[in-house]
Amino acid sequence: MITIGIVDNDRFALPMLDMPLTDIPGPEICRRVRAASADIVVLGITSYSLDHYRQLAIDAGAQGLIAKSVTPKELAEAMRNVPVRPFPGFPTTEQAHGSMVSASARRPRTLSKREREVLGLYADNYSTAEIAERLGIADSTVSVVVRHAKVKLDVTARSEAVRVFRALY
């Protein structure tokens, strides 16, 4: 998941996160790092358009975003400079951490009974259609319930919501 990193005392001092990962996207990993710490500088990296991922990286608390197509010299320069000064428009680690902590404090964490039912059925390998039929609700309602649960659990993918649900319940 972490593409490259400068190691300092057996921990990543500058993780570089690939933005379009499939199971847990780079912005989600960045969000988790940022919520836990204001000490780690994060640099996003992508082979896709920087415009596509720029706001996602900023919102996730990264200090910069760079294309995979940069030259080794440009990469080294970015890695050298971003710990000292975030890219233009990107937050400092302290600003991003503060935003994440305050947003997390405002977000409810307790899943409703319906959210627990739906995630529990997904955990038992039921399909959306099977869950809807079993609970007597529409497929779209199942999707809405999952969307609300993902927000509460601070995840972006249904599979991640199911994993967190299993760990919590």
N, C-alpha and C. Protein backbone atom coordinates (compact mmCIF):
# COMPACT_ATOMS: atom_id res chain seq x y z
N MET A 1 0.81 -1.19 0.00
CA MET A 1 0.00 0.00 0.00
C MET A 1 0.85 1.25 0.00
N ILE A 2 1.93 1.25 0.78
CA ILE A 2 2.82 2.39 0.77
C ILE A 2 3.82 2.14 -0.34
N THR A 3 3.86 3.03 -1.29
CA THR A 3 4.70 2.85 -2.46
C THR A 3 6.17 3.02 -2.14
N ILE A 4 6.53 4.11 -1.55
CA ILE A 4 7.92 4.43 -1.22
C ILE A 4 7.90 5.14 0.11
N GLY A 5 8.96 5.04 0.86
CA GLY A 5 9.02 5.82 2.08
C GLY A 5 10.45 6.02 2.53
N ILE A 6 10.70 7.12 3.17
CA ILE A 6 11.98 7.36 3.79
C ILE A 6 11.85 6.84 5.21
N VAL A 7 12.73 5.93 5.60
CA VAL A 7 12.62 5.30 6.91
C VAL A 7 13.47 6.06 7.91
N ASP A 8 12.87 6.34 9.07
CA ASP A 8 13.55 7.03 10.14
C ASP A 8 13.25 6.28 11.43
N ASN A 9 14.25 5.66 12.01
CA ASN A 9 14.07 4.89 13.24
C ASN A 9 12.98 3.83 13.10
N ASP A 10 13.05 3.07 12.05
CA ASP A 10 12.13 1.95 11.80
C ASP A 10 10.67 2.35 11.63
N ARG A 11 10.41 3.55 11.21
CA ARG A 11 9.04 3.95 10.87
C ARG A 11 9.11 4.85 9.65
N PHE A 12 8.02 4.96 8.96
CA PHE A 12 8.00 5.80 7.78
C PHE A 12 7.91 7.26 8.17
N ALA A 13 8.92 8.02 7.78
CA ALA A 13 8.91 9.45 8.04
C ALA A 13 8.20 10.17 6.90
N LEU A 14 8.21 9.59 5.71
CA LEU A 14 7.54 10.19 4.56
C LEU A 14 6.92 9.08 3.72
N PRO A 15 5.73 8.60 4.11
CA PRO A 15 5.08 7.61 3.26
C PRO A 15 4.56 8.26 1.98
N MET A 16 4.68 7.53 0.89
CA MET A 16 4.10 7.96 -0.39
C MET A 16 2.99 6.98 -0.71
N LEU A 17 1.77 7.47 -0.74
CA LEU A 17 0.61 6.62 -0.92
C LEU A 17 0.10 6.68 -2.34
N ASP A 18 -0.09 5.51 -2.94
CA ASP A 18 -0.69 5.42 -4.26
C ASP A 18 -2.18 5.71 -4.11
N MET A 19 -2.68 6.68 -4.83
CA MET A 19 -4.06 7.13 -4.67
C MET A 19 -5.11 6.08 -5.07
N PRO A 20 -5.01 5.45 -6.26
CA PRO A 20 -6.12 4.59 -6.69
C PRO A 20 -6.00 3.12 -6.29
N LEU A 21 -5.64 2.81 -5.06
CA LEU A 21 -5.62 1.41 -4.63
C LEU A 21 -7.05 0.89 -4.59
N THR A 22 -7.23 -0.41 -4.80
CA THR A 22 -8.59 -0.93 -4.91
C THR A 22 -9.26 -1.23 -3.58
N ASP A 23 -8.59 -1.92 -2.68
CA ASP A 23 -9.27 -2.33 -1.45
C ASP A 23 -9.39 -1.18 -0.46
N ILE A 24 -8.29 -0.54 -0.16
CA ILE A 24 -8.30 0.65 0.69
C ILE A 24 -7.55 1.73 -0.06
N PRO A 25 -8.26 2.68 -0.66
CA PRO A 25 -7.60 3.72 -1.46
C PRO A 25 -6.64 4.57 -0.64
N GLY A 26 -5.64 5.11 -1.32
CA GLY A 26 -4.64 5.96 -0.68
C GLY A 26 -5.22 7.07 0.18
N PRO A 27 -6.26 7.80 -0.30
CA PRO A 27 -6.83 8.84 0.55
C PRO A 27 -7.37 8.30 1.88
N GLU A 28 -7.90 7.10 1.88
CA GLU A 28 -8.41 6.51 3.12
C GLU A 28 -7.26 6.18 4.07
N ILE A 29 -6.17 5.65 3.53
CA ILE A 29 -5.00 5.37 4.37
C ILE A 29 -4.47 6.68 4.93
N CYS A 30 -4.39 7.69 4.09
CA CYS A 30 -3.92 9.00 4.52
C CYS A 30 -4.81 9.55 5.64
N ARG A 31 -6.12 9.43 5.48
CA ARG A 31 -7.06 9.89 6.50
C ARG A 31 -6.76 9.24 7.85
N ARG A 32 -6.50 7.95 7.81
CA ARG A 32 -6.24 7.21 9.05
C ARG A 32 -4.92 7.63 9.68
N VAL A 33 -3.90 7.79 8.85
CA VAL A 33 -2.61 8.26 9.35
C VAL A 33 -2.78 9.65 9.96
N ARG A 34 -3.47 10.51 9.23
CA ARG A 34 -3.62 11.89 9.68
C ARG A 34 -4.45 11.98 10.95
N ALA A 35 -5.49 11.18 11.07
CA ALA A 35 -6.31 11.19 12.29
C ALA A 35 -5.50 10.74 13.49
N ALA A 36 -4.55 9.84 13.26
CA ALA A 36 -3.75 9.30 14.36
C ALA A 36 -2.55 10.16 14.72
N SER A 37 -2.05 10.96 13.77
CA SER A 37 -0.80 11.66 14.02
C SER A 37 -0.66 12.95 13.22
N ALA A 38 -0.03 13.93 13.86
CA ALA A 38 0.33 15.17 13.16
C ALA A 38 1.82 15.15 12.83
N ASP A 39 2.50 14.05 13.11
CA ASP A 39 3.95 13.98 12.94
C ASP A 39 4.40 13.46 11.58
N ILE A 40 3.54 12.75 10.89
CA ILE A 40 3.94 12.09 9.65
C ILE A 40 3.50 12.90 8.44
N VAL A 41 4.44 13.24 7.60
CA VAL A 41 4.17 13.94 6.35
C VAL A 41 3.77 12.89 5.32
N VAL A 42 2.69 13.13 4.57
CA VAL A 42 2.22 12.18 3.57
C VAL A 42 2.24 12.83 2.19
N LEU A 43 2.81 12.11 1.24
CA LEU A 43 2.86 12.56 -0.15
C LEU A 43 2.10 11.54 -0.99
N GLY A 44 1.06 11.99 -1.68
CA GLY A 44 0.30 11.11 -2.57
C GLY A 44 1.01 10.99 -3.91
N ILE A 45 0.81 9.87 -4.57
CA ILE A 45 1.41 9.64 -5.88
C ILE A 45 0.39 8.91 -6.75
N THR A 46 0.34 9.27 -8.02
CA THR A 46 -0.64 8.65 -8.91
C THR A 46 -0.17 8.68 -10.35
N SER A 47 -0.64 7.72 -11.11
CA SER A 47 -0.38 7.72 -12.56
C SER A 47 -1.55 8.38 -13.29
N TYR A 48 -2.62 8.68 -12.56
CA TYR A 48 -3.79 9.34 -13.13
C TYR A 48 -3.62 10.86 -13.08
N SER A 49 -4.59 11.56 -13.55
CA SER A 49 -4.57 13.02 -13.56
C SER A 49 -4.46 13.57 -12.13
N LEU A 50 -3.53 14.49 -11.95
CA LEU A 50 -3.38 15.12 -10.64
C LEU A 50 -4.64 15.90 -10.27
N ASP A 51 -5.31 16.47 -11.27
CA ASP A 51 -6.54 17.21 -11.02
C ASP A 51 -7.61 16.32 -10.39
N HIS A 52 -7.64 15.05 -10.81
CA HIS A 52 -8.64 14.11 -10.30
C HIS A 52 -8.44 13.84 -8.81
N TYR A 53 -7.19 13.70 -8.37
CA TYR A 53 -6.91 13.31 -6.99
C TYR A 53 -6.51 14.45 -6.08
N ARG A 54 -6.28 15.64 -6.63
CA ARG A 54 -5.79 16.76 -5.83
C ARG A 54 -6.69 17.05 -4.62
N GLN A 55 -7.98 17.28 -4.83
CA GLN A 55 -8.86 17.62 -3.71
C GLN A 55 -9.02 16.44 -2.76
N LEU A 56 -9.06 15.22 -3.29
CA LEU A 56 -9.14 14.05 -2.42
C LEU A 56 -7.93 13.97 -1.49
N ALA A 57 -6.75 14.23 -2.04
CA ALA A 57 -5.52 14.20 -1.24
C ALA A 57 -5.54 15.31 -0.19
N ILE A 58 -5.97 16.50 -0.57
CA ILE A 58 -6.05 17.62 0.38
C ILE A 58 -7.03 17.27 1.50
N ASP A 59 -8.22 16.80 1.14
CA ASP A 59 -9.24 16.45 2.14
C ASP A 59 -8.78 15.32 3.07
N ALA A 60 -7.93 14.43 2.54
CA ALA A 60 -7.45 13.31 3.34
C ALA A 60 -6.30 13.71 4.27
N GLY A 61 -5.76 14.92 4.06
CA GLY A 61 -4.71 15.40 4.94
C GLY A 61 -3.30 15.23 4.43
N ALA A 62 -3.13 14.97 3.12
CA ALA A 62 -1.80 14.84 2.53
C ALA A 62 -1.14 16.21 2.43
N GLN A 63 0.19 16.21 2.34
CA GLN A 63 0.92 17.46 2.21
C GLN A 63 1.33 17.74 0.77
N GLY A 64 1.04 16.80 -0.12
CA GLY A 64 1.35 17.02 -1.53
C GLY A 64 0.89 15.84 -2.36
N LEU A 65 0.92 16.03 -3.68
CA LEU A 65 0.53 15.00 -4.64
C LEU A 65 1.44 15.13 -5.84
N ILE A 66 1.96 14.02 -6.29
CA ILE A 66 2.91 14.02 -7.40
C ILE A 66 2.56 12.91 -8.39
N ALA A 67 2.89 13.14 -9.65
CA ALA A 67 2.63 12.14 -10.69
C ALA A 67 3.73 11.08 -10.69
N LYS A 68 3.37 9.85 -11.01
CA LYS A 68 4.36 8.78 -11.11
C LYS A 68 5.32 9.02 -12.28
N SER A 69 4.92 9.87 -13.20
CA SER A 69 5.74 10.11 -14.38
C SER A 69 6.85 11.14 -14.16
N VAL A 70 7.00 11.66 -12.95
CA VAL A 70 8.05 12.65 -12.71
C VAL A 70 9.43 12.01 -12.86
N THR A 71 10.40 12.85 -13.10
CA THR A 71 11.78 12.36 -13.21
C THR A 71 12.29 12.02 -11.81
N PRO A 72 13.31 11.19 -11.72
CA PRO A 72 13.90 10.90 -10.40
C PRO A 72 14.34 12.18 -9.66
N LYS A 73 14.84 13.14 -10.41
CA LYS A 73 15.27 14.41 -9.80
C LYS A 73 14.08 15.15 -9.20
N GLU A 74 12.95 15.19 -9.93
CA GLU A 74 11.74 15.86 -9.42
C GLU A 74 11.19 15.13 -8.20
N LEU A 75 11.23 13.81 -8.25
CA LEU A 75 10.77 13.01 -7.11
C LEU A 75 11.61 13.30 -5.88
N ALA A 76 12.93 13.29 -6.05
CA ALA A 76 13.84 13.56 -4.93
C ALA A 76 13.60 14.96 -4.36
N GLU A 77 13.37 15.93 -5.24
CA GLU A 77 13.12 17.30 -4.80
C GLU A 77 11.82 17.39 -3.99
N ALA A 78 10.77 16.72 -4.49
CA ALA A 78 9.50 16.73 -3.77
C ALA A 78 9.65 16.07 -2.40
N MET A 79 10.35 14.95 -2.36
CA MET A 79 10.54 14.24 -1.10
C MET A 79 11.39 15.06 -0.11
N ARG A 80 12.29 15.84 -0.62
CA ARG A 80 13.14 16.68 0.22
C ARG A 80 12.36 17.91 0.74
N ASN A 81 11.52 18.48 -0.12
CA ASN A 81 10.85 19.74 0.22
C ASN A 81 9.54 19.58 0.99
N VAL A 82 8.75 18.56 0.69
CA VAL A 82 7.41 18.45 1.30
C VAL A 82 7.45 18.35 2.83
N PRO A 83 8.45 17.73 3.45
CA PRO A 83 8.45 17.75 4.93
C PRO A 83 8.66 19.15 5.51
N VAL A 84 9.28 20.03 4.74
CA VAL A 84 9.55 21.39 5.19
C VAL A 84 8.39 22.32 4.87
N ARG A 85 7.80 22.12 3.68
CA ARG A 85 6.74 23.01 3.21
C ARG A 85 5.77 22.22 2.34
N PRO A 86 4.49 22.14 2.75
CA PRO A 86 3.51 21.43 1.92
C PRO A 86 3.40 22.07 0.53
N PHE A 87 2.92 21.29 -0.43
CA PHE A 87 2.66 21.82 -1.76
C PHE A 87 1.63 22.96 -1.63
N PRO A 88 1.63 23.90 -2.57
CA PRO A 88 0.64 25.00 -2.53
C PRO A 88 -0.79 24.46 -2.45
N GLY A 89 -1.55 24.99 -1.50
CA GLY A 89 -2.95 24.59 -1.33
C GLY A 89 -3.14 23.38 -0.42
N PHE A 90 -2.07 22.71 -0.03
CA PHE A 90 -2.15 21.54 0.84
C PHE A 90 -1.93 21.96 2.29
N PRO A 91 -2.58 21.28 3.24
CA PRO A 91 -2.44 21.66 4.65
C PRO A 91 -1.12 21.18 5.25
N THR A 92 -0.71 21.82 6.33
CA THR A 92 0.40 21.29 7.11
C THR A 92 -0.11 20.04 7.83
N THR A 93 0.79 19.26 8.38
CA THR A 93 0.35 18.08 9.12
C THR A 93 -0.50 18.47 10.33
N GLU A 94 -0.12 19.57 10.98
CA GLU A 94 -0.87 20.02 12.16
C GLU A 94 -2.28 20.47 11.79
N GLN A 95 -2.40 21.23 10.70
CA GLN A 95 -3.72 21.69 10.26
C GLN A 95 -4.60 20.49 9.90
N ALA A 96 -4.05 19.56 9.14
CA ALA A 96 -4.83 18.40 8.69
C ALA A 96 -5.23 17.53 9.88
N HIS A 97 -4.31 17.30 10.80
CA HIS A 97 -4.62 16.49 11.98
C HIS A 97 -5.72 17.14 12.80
N GLY A 98 -5.62 18.45 13.00
CA GLY A 98 -6.65 19.16 13.76
C GLY A 98 -8.01 19.05 13.11
N SER A 99 -8.06 19.16 11.79
CA SER A 99 -9.33 19.01 11.06
C SER A 99 -9.90 17.62 11.21
N MET A 100 -9.04 16.60 11.11
CA MET A 100 -9.50 15.22 11.23
C MET A 100 -10.03 14.93 12.63
N VAL A 101 -9.33 15.39 13.64
CA VAL A 101 -9.73 15.13 15.02
C VAL A 101 -11.07 15.81 15.31
N SER A 102 -11.23 17.06 14.89
CA SER A 102 -12.49 17.75 15.16
C SER A 102 -13.63 17.15 14.37
N ALA A 103 -13.39 16.73 13.12
CA ALA A 103 -14.43 16.08 12.31
C ALA A 103 -14.82 14.75 12.93
N SER A 104 -13.83 14.02 13.42
CA SER A 104 -14.09 12.72 14.03
C SER A 104 -14.91 12.86 15.31
N ALA A 105 -14.65 13.90 16.06
CA ALA A 105 -15.39 14.13 17.31
C ALA A 105 -16.86 14.44 17.04
N ARG A 106 -17.15 15.05 15.89
CA ARG A 106 -18.53 15.40 15.55
C ARG A 106 -19.29 14.22 14.95
N ARG A 107 -18.59 13.21 14.45
CA ARG A 107 -19.22 12.11 13.73
C ARG A 107 -19.70 11.03 14.70
N PRO A 108 -20.98 10.63 14.62
CA PRO A 108 -21.46 9.56 15.49
C PRO A 108 -20.81 8.22 15.12
N ARG A 109 -20.48 7.43 16.11
CA ARG A 109 -19.80 6.16 15.88
C ARG A 109 -20.69 4.93 16.08
N THR A 110 -21.80 5.08 16.74
CA THR A 110 -22.63 3.93 17.04
C THR A 110 -23.51 3.60 15.85
N LEU A 111 -23.44 2.35 15.41
CA LEU A 111 -24.28 1.90 14.30
C LEU A 111 -25.70 1.64 14.80
N SER A 112 -26.67 1.95 13.96
CA SER A 112 -28.05 1.66 14.29
C SER A 112 -28.28 0.15 14.21
N LYS A 113 -29.41 -0.27 14.73
CA LYS A 113 -29.76 -1.70 14.66
C LYS A 113 -29.82 -2.15 13.21
N ARG A 114 -30.41 -1.35 12.33
CA ARG A 114 -30.54 -1.70 10.90
C ARG A 114 -29.15 -1.78 10.25
N GLU A 115 -28.27 -0.84 10.58
CA GLU A 115 -26.92 -0.87 10.02
C GLU A 115 -26.18 -2.12 10.46
N ARG A 116 -26.34 -2.49 11.72
CA ARG A 116 -25.70 -3.73 12.20
C ARG A 116 -26.28 -4.95 11.51
N GLU A 117 -27.61 -4.96 11.31
CA GLU A 117 -28.25 -6.09 10.60
C GLU A 117 -27.69 -6.24 9.19
N VAL A 118 -27.65 -5.14 8.46
CA VAL A 118 -27.22 -5.19 7.06
C VAL A 118 -25.75 -5.59 6.96
N LEU A 119 -24.88 -4.97 7.76
CA LEU A 119 -23.46 -5.33 7.71
C LEU A 119 -23.24 -6.75 8.18
N GLY A 120 -24.02 -7.19 9.14
CA GLY A 120 -23.92 -8.58 9.60
C GLY A 120 -24.28 -9.56 8.49
N LEU A 121 -25.30 -9.24 7.72
CA LEU A 121 -25.69 -10.12 6.61
C LEU A 121 -24.63 -10.10 5.50
N TYR A 122 -24.06 -8.92 5.22
CA TYR A 122 -22.94 -8.87 4.26
C TYR A 122 -21.78 -9.71 4.78
N ALA A 123 -21.52 -9.64 6.08
CA ALA A 123 -20.43 -10.42 6.68
C ALA A 123 -20.69 -11.92 6.53
N ASP A 124 -21.97 -12.29 6.49
CA ASP A 124 -22.35 -13.70 6.29
C ASP A 124 -22.47 -14.05 4.81
N ASN A 125 -21.98 -13.17 3.94
CA ASN A 125 -21.92 -13.39 2.48
C ASN A 125 -23.26 -13.36 1.76
N TYR A 126 -24.22 -12.64 2.30
CA TYR A 126 -25.47 -12.44 1.58
C TYR A 126 -25.26 -11.34 0.54
N SER A 127 -25.97 -11.43 -0.56
CA SER A 127 -25.92 -10.40 -1.60
C SER A 127 -26.87 -9.27 -1.22
N THR A 128 -26.76 -8.16 -1.91
CA THR A 128 -27.65 -7.03 -1.66
C THR A 128 -29.10 -7.43 -1.85
N ALA A 129 -29.38 -8.14 -2.94
CA ALA A 129 -30.76 -8.58 -3.22
C ALA A 129 -31.27 -9.51 -2.13
N GLU A 130 -30.42 -10.41 -1.65
CA GLU A 130 -30.82 -11.35 -0.60
C GLU A 130 -31.08 -10.60 0.72
N ILE A 131 -30.27 -9.61 1.02
CA ILE A 131 -30.46 -8.83 2.24
C ILE A 131 -31.77 -8.06 2.15
N ALA A 132 -32.01 -7.43 1.00
CA ALA A 132 -33.26 -6.68 0.81
C ALA A 132 -34.47 -7.57 0.99
N GLU A 133 -34.43 -8.73 0.38
CA GLU A 133 -35.56 -9.67 0.49
C GLU A 133 -35.74 -10.15 1.93
N ARG A 134 -34.65 -10.50 2.55
CA ARG A 134 -34.71 -11.01 3.93
C ARG A 134 -35.26 -9.97 4.91
N LEU A 135 -34.89 -8.69 4.70
CA LEU A 135 -35.33 -7.63 5.60
C LEU A 135 -36.60 -6.94 5.15
N GLY A 136 -37.10 -7.29 3.96
CA GLY A 136 -38.33 -6.69 3.44
C GLY A 136 -38.16 -5.23 3.06
N ILE A 137 -37.01 -4.91 2.52
CA ILE A 137 -36.74 -3.53 2.10
C ILE A 137 -36.21 -3.55 0.67
N ALA A 138 -36.12 -2.39 0.04
CA ALA A 138 -35.63 -2.30 -1.33
C ALA A 138 -34.11 -2.39 -1.37
N ASP A 139 -33.59 -2.84 -2.51
CA ASP A 139 -32.13 -2.88 -2.71
C ASP A 139 -31.52 -1.50 -2.46
N SER A 140 -32.19 -0.46 -2.92
CA SER A 140 -31.67 0.90 -2.75
C SER A 140 -31.61 1.28 -1.27
N THR A 141 -32.54 0.77 -0.48
CA THR A 141 -32.52 1.05 0.96
C THR A 141 -31.31 0.39 1.61
N VAL A 142 -31.00 -0.81 1.16
CA VAL A 142 -29.80 -1.50 1.67
C VAL A 142 -28.57 -0.63 1.38
N SER A 143 -28.50 -0.09 0.18
CA SER A 143 -27.36 0.76 -0.19
C SER A 143 -27.29 2.03 0.66
N VAL A 144 -28.43 2.62 0.95
CA VAL A 144 -28.46 3.82 1.79
C VAL A 144 -27.99 3.49 3.21
N VAL A 145 -28.44 2.37 3.73
CA VAL A 145 -28.05 1.94 5.08
C VAL A 145 -26.52 1.74 5.13
N VAL A 146 -25.98 1.10 4.10
CA VAL A 146 -24.53 0.88 4.04
C VAL A 146 -23.79 2.22 3.94
N ARG A 147 -24.31 3.13 3.15
CA ARG A 147 -23.66 4.44 3.01
C ARG A 147 -23.60 5.15 4.36
N HIS A 148 -24.68 5.11 5.13
CA HIS A 148 -24.70 5.73 6.45
C HIS A 148 -23.71 5.05 7.39
N ALA A 149 -23.64 3.73 7.33
CA ALA A 149 -22.70 2.98 8.18
C ALA A 149 -21.25 3.32 7.81
N LYS A 150 -20.97 3.47 6.51
CA LYS A 150 -19.60 3.81 6.09
C LYS A 150 -19.18 5.16 6.64
N VAL A 151 -20.09 6.12 6.66
CA VAL A 151 -19.78 7.44 7.21
C VAL A 151 -19.48 7.31 8.70
N LYS A 152 -20.31 6.59 9.42
CA LYS A 152 -20.10 6.42 10.86
C LYS A 152 -18.79 5.70 11.17
N LEU A 153 -18.43 4.74 10.32
CA LEU A 153 -17.22 3.96 10.55
C LEU A 153 -15.98 4.61 9.93
N ASP A 154 -16.20 5.72 9.21
CA ASP A 154 -15.12 6.48 8.59
C ASP A 154 -14.34 5.62 7.58
N VAL A 155 -15.10 4.92 6.73
CA VAL A 155 -14.51 4.11 5.66
C VAL A 155 -15.15 4.48 4.34
N THR A 156 -14.53 4.07 3.24
CA THR A 156 -15.08 4.43 1.93
C THR A 156 -15.66 3.24 1.17
N ALA A 157 -15.27 2.04 1.52
CA ALA A 157 -15.73 0.86 0.78
C ALA A 157 -16.61 -0.03 1.66
N ARG A 158 -17.56 -0.68 1.04
CA ARG A 158 -18.44 -1.60 1.78
C ARG A 158 -17.63 -2.73 2.41
N SER A 159 -16.65 -3.25 1.68
CA SER A 159 -15.83 -4.35 2.21
C SER A 159 -15.09 -3.91 3.48
N GLU A 160 -14.63 -2.67 3.49
CA GLU A 160 -13.95 -2.15 4.67
C GLU A 160 -14.94 -1.97 5.81
N ALA A 161 -16.16 -1.53 5.52
CA ALA A 161 -17.20 -1.40 6.55
C ALA A 161 -17.49 -2.75 7.18
N VAL A 162 -17.54 -3.79 6.37
CA VAL A 162 -17.80 -5.14 6.89
C VAL A 162 -16.64 -5.59 7.78
N ARG A 163 -15.39 -5.31 7.36
CA ARG A 163 -14.23 -5.68 8.18
C ARG A 163 -14.25 -4.94 9.53
N VAL A 164 -14.54 -3.65 9.50
CA VAL A 164 -14.59 -2.88 10.74
C VAL A 164 -15.75 -3.38 11.61
N PHE A 165 -16.91 -3.65 10.98
CA PHE A 165 -18.06 -4.19 11.71
C PHE A 165 -17.68 -5.49 12.43
N ARG A 166 -17.02 -6.38 11.71
CA ARG A 166 -16.61 -7.67 12.32
C ARG A 166 -15.70 -7.43 13.52
N ALA A 167 -14.81 -6.46 13.41
CA ALA A 167 -13.87 -6.17 14.50
C ALA A 167 -14.57 -5.56 15.71
N LEU A 168 -15.63 -4.78 15.47
CA LEU A 168 -16.31 -4.07 16.55
C LEU A 168 -17.44 -4.87 17.19
N TYR A 169 -18.10 -5.72 16.41
CA TYR A 169 -19.32 -6.38 16.92
C TYR A 169 -19.20 -7.88 16.97
